[in-house]
Structure formats: C-alpha cells, structure tokens
Amino acid sequence: MFSEKLNNTQKNYLVSEKELLAVIVVLSYFKNSVYNFKIVIYTDHSNLKFLQTSKLQRI
C-alpha cells in the first residue's frame, strides 16, 4: 500500500532517516484525514528517538 522506490538522494539516507521517511510518507498519505489534528507518534525504534535529539540537519 505504501511501497515506493527511493530516489537517488533517498538511497543515500542513513537507515534511521529512511525509517523517518516512512513515517512522513504515511502521514502525507493521510494528510486530509489528520489535518488540523495534533499528531503524536509513538515508537520503540531507538533510531527514530535518536533523530529527535540529534543535531543532524538533513531532515
């Protein structure tokens, strides 16, 4: 349902950035349903938690 190929730039993303990209793609798909709602994403993936606290500016 949400399967799509990565473009050349996305292929160079770190694994954690690719995982975050998946969240972004799903939210984009449902944007009409979730627009104007507060969205909280819970995850047990430490990679995604790391991105929240890291100083990487790529995303």
N, C-alpha and C. Protein backbone atom coordinates (compact mmCIF):
# COMPACT_ATOMS: atom_id res chain seq x y z
N MET A 1 0.82 -1.19 0.00
CA MET A 1 0.00 0.00 0.00
C MET A 1 0.87 1.26 0.00
N PHE A 2 1.93 1.27 0.80
CA PHE A 2 2.79 2.45 0.88
C PHE A 2 4.16 2.19 0.29
N SER A 3 4.24 1.18 -0.53
CA SER A 3 5.52 0.83 -1.11
C SER A 3 5.87 1.80 -2.23
N GLU A 4 7.07 2.32 -2.18
CA GLU A 4 7.54 3.17 -3.26
C GLU A 4 9.06 3.08 -3.31
N LYS A 5 9.60 3.30 -4.48
CA LYS A 5 11.04 3.26 -4.65
C LYS A 5 11.67 4.53 -4.11
N LEU A 6 12.86 4.37 -3.59
CA LEU A 6 13.62 5.53 -3.14
C LEU A 6 14.30 6.18 -4.33
N ASN A 7 14.32 7.51 -4.32
CA ASN A 7 15.06 8.18 -5.39
C ASN A 7 16.55 8.14 -5.05
N ASN A 8 17.39 8.63 -5.93
CA ASN A 8 18.84 8.54 -5.74
C ASN A 8 19.31 9.24 -4.47
N THR A 9 18.71 10.35 -4.14
CA THR A 9 19.07 11.06 -2.91
C THR A 9 18.67 10.26 -1.69
N GLN A 10 17.46 9.73 -1.70
CA GLN A 10 16.96 8.96 -0.56
C GLN A 10 17.75 7.68 -0.34
N LYS A 11 18.30 7.12 -1.39
CA LYS A 11 19.11 5.91 -1.25
C LYS A 11 20.35 6.17 -0.40
N ASN A 12 20.80 7.41 -0.34
CA ASN A 12 21.98 7.77 0.45
C ASN A 12 21.65 8.10 1.90
N TYR A 13 20.38 8.10 2.27
CA TYR A 13 19.99 8.39 3.64
C TYR A 13 20.52 7.31 4.58
N LEU A 14 20.74 7.69 5.82
CA LEU A 14 21.04 6.72 6.86
C LEU A 14 19.79 5.88 7.11
N VAL A 15 19.96 4.71 7.71
CA VAL A 15 18.82 3.83 7.97
C VAL A 15 17.78 4.55 8.82
N SER A 16 18.22 5.28 9.83
CA SER A 16 17.28 6.00 10.69
C SER A 16 16.50 7.05 9.92
N GLU A 17 17.14 7.68 8.95
CA GLU A 17 16.46 8.68 8.13
C GLU A 17 15.44 8.02 7.20
N LYS A 18 15.75 6.83 6.72
CA LYS A 18 14.80 6.09 5.89
C LYS A 18 13.57 5.69 6.70
N GLU A 19 13.78 5.31 7.96
CA GLU A 19 12.66 4.96 8.83
C GLU A 19 11.77 6.18 9.05
N LEU A 20 12.37 7.32 9.26
CA LEU A 20 11.61 8.55 9.44
C LEU A 20 10.88 8.93 8.15
N LEU A 21 11.50 8.70 7.03
CA LEU A 21 10.87 8.96 5.74
C LEU A 21 9.59 8.14 5.60
N ALA A 22 9.60 6.91 6.09
CA ALA A 22 8.40 6.07 6.03
C ALA A 22 7.26 6.70 6.82
N VAL A 23 7.56 7.27 7.98
CA VAL A 23 6.54 7.96 8.78
C VAL A 23 5.99 9.16 8.01
N ILE A 24 6.87 9.91 7.39
CA ILE A 24 6.46 11.09 6.63
C ILE A 24 5.57 10.71 5.45
N VAL A 25 5.92 9.63 4.76
CA VAL A 25 5.12 9.18 3.61
C VAL A 25 3.71 8.80 4.05
N VAL A 26 3.61 8.07 5.15
CA VAL A 26 2.29 7.65 5.65
C VAL A 26 1.47 8.86 6.08
N LEU A 27 2.08 9.80 6.79
CA LEU A 27 1.35 10.99 7.20
C LEU A 27 0.92 11.82 6.00
N SER A 28 1.75 11.88 4.98
CA SER A 28 1.37 12.60 3.75
C SER A 28 0.18 11.94 3.08
N TYR A 29 0.15 10.62 3.11
CA TYR A 29 -0.96 9.88 2.51
C TYR A 29 -2.28 10.20 3.21
N PHE A 30 -2.23 10.33 4.53
CA PHE A 30 -3.43 10.59 5.32
C PHE A 30 -3.62 12.06 5.67
N LYS A 31 -2.94 12.96 4.97
CA LYS A 31 -2.95 14.37 5.36
C LYS A 31 -4.35 14.98 5.40
N ASN A 32 -5.24 14.57 4.51
CA ASN A 32 -6.59 15.11 4.54
C ASN A 32 -7.37 14.65 5.76
N SER A 33 -7.05 13.49 6.26
CA SER A 33 -7.74 12.95 7.43
C SER A 33 -7.19 13.51 8.74
N VAL A 34 -5.91 13.83 8.77
CA VAL A 34 -5.28 14.25 10.02
C VAL A 34 -5.00 15.75 10.09
N TYR A 35 -5.34 16.47 9.04
CA TYR A 35 -5.09 17.91 9.01
C TYR A 35 -5.82 18.59 10.16
N ASN A 36 -5.17 19.50 10.83
CA ASN A 36 -5.70 20.25 11.98
C ASN A 36 -5.86 19.41 13.24
N PHE A 37 -5.27 18.24 13.27
CA PHE A 37 -5.26 17.42 14.47
C PHE A 37 -3.84 17.34 15.00
N LYS A 38 -3.72 17.29 16.31
CA LYS A 38 -2.41 17.08 16.90
C LYS A 38 -2.05 15.61 16.71
N ILE A 39 -0.88 15.36 16.16
CA ILE A 39 -0.43 14.01 15.89
C ILE A 39 0.73 13.69 16.82
N VAL A 40 0.62 12.59 17.54
CA VAL A 40 1.69 12.11 18.39
C VAL A 40 2.11 10.75 17.86
N ILE A 41 3.37 10.61 17.58
CA ILE A 41 3.88 9.35 17.05
C ILE A 41 4.69 8.67 18.14
N TYR A 42 4.25 7.48 18.51
CA TYR A 42 4.95 6.68 19.49
C TYR A 42 5.78 5.64 18.76
N THR A 43 7.00 5.46 19.21
CA THR A 43 7.86 4.47 18.56
C THR A 43 8.75 3.80 19.60
N ASP A 44 9.08 2.57 19.31
CA ASP A 44 10.06 1.88 20.15
C ASP A 44 11.38 1.72 19.40
N HIS A 45 11.48 2.40 18.27
CA HIS A 45 12.71 2.36 17.49
C HIS A 45 13.68 3.41 18.02
N SER A 46 14.75 2.96 18.61
CA SER A 46 15.71 3.91 19.17
C SER A 46 16.34 4.79 18.09
N ASN A 47 16.37 4.29 16.84
CA ASN A 47 16.91 5.12 15.76
C ASN A 47 16.08 6.38 15.57
N LEU A 48 14.77 6.25 15.62
CA LEU A 48 13.91 7.43 15.45
C LEU A 48 13.99 8.34 16.66
N LYS A 49 14.11 7.77 17.84
CA LYS A 49 14.27 8.58 19.03
C LYS A 49 15.58 9.36 18.97
N PHE A 50 16.61 8.74 18.42
CA PHE A 50 17.90 9.41 18.27
C PHE A 50 17.77 10.63 17.38
N LEU A 51 17.02 10.52 16.30
CA LEU A 51 16.87 11.65 15.38
C LEU A 51 16.23 12.85 16.07
N GLN A 52 15.33 12.58 16.99
CA GLN A 52 14.65 13.67 17.69
C GLN A 52 15.63 14.48 18.53
N THR A 53 16.65 13.81 19.06
CA THR A 53 17.58 14.51 19.95
C THR A 53 18.91 14.84 19.27
N SER A 54 19.11 14.37 18.06
CA SER A 54 20.39 14.61 17.39
C SER A 54 20.45 16.01 16.81
N LYS A 55 21.62 16.40 16.40
CA LYS A 55 21.82 17.71 15.81
C LYS A 55 21.96 17.64 14.30
N LEU A 56 21.56 16.51 13.73
CA LEU A 56 21.61 16.38 12.27
C LEU A 56 20.61 17.34 11.65
N GLN A 57 21.01 17.98 10.60
CA GLN A 57 20.15 18.97 9.97
C GLN A 57 19.65 18.51 8.60
N ARG A 58 19.86 17.24 8.26
CA ARG A 58 19.48 16.76 6.93
C ARG A 58 17.98 16.62 6.79
N ILE A 59 17.28 16.37 7.88
CA ILE A 59 15.82 16.17 7.79
C ILE A 59 15.12 17.33 8.44
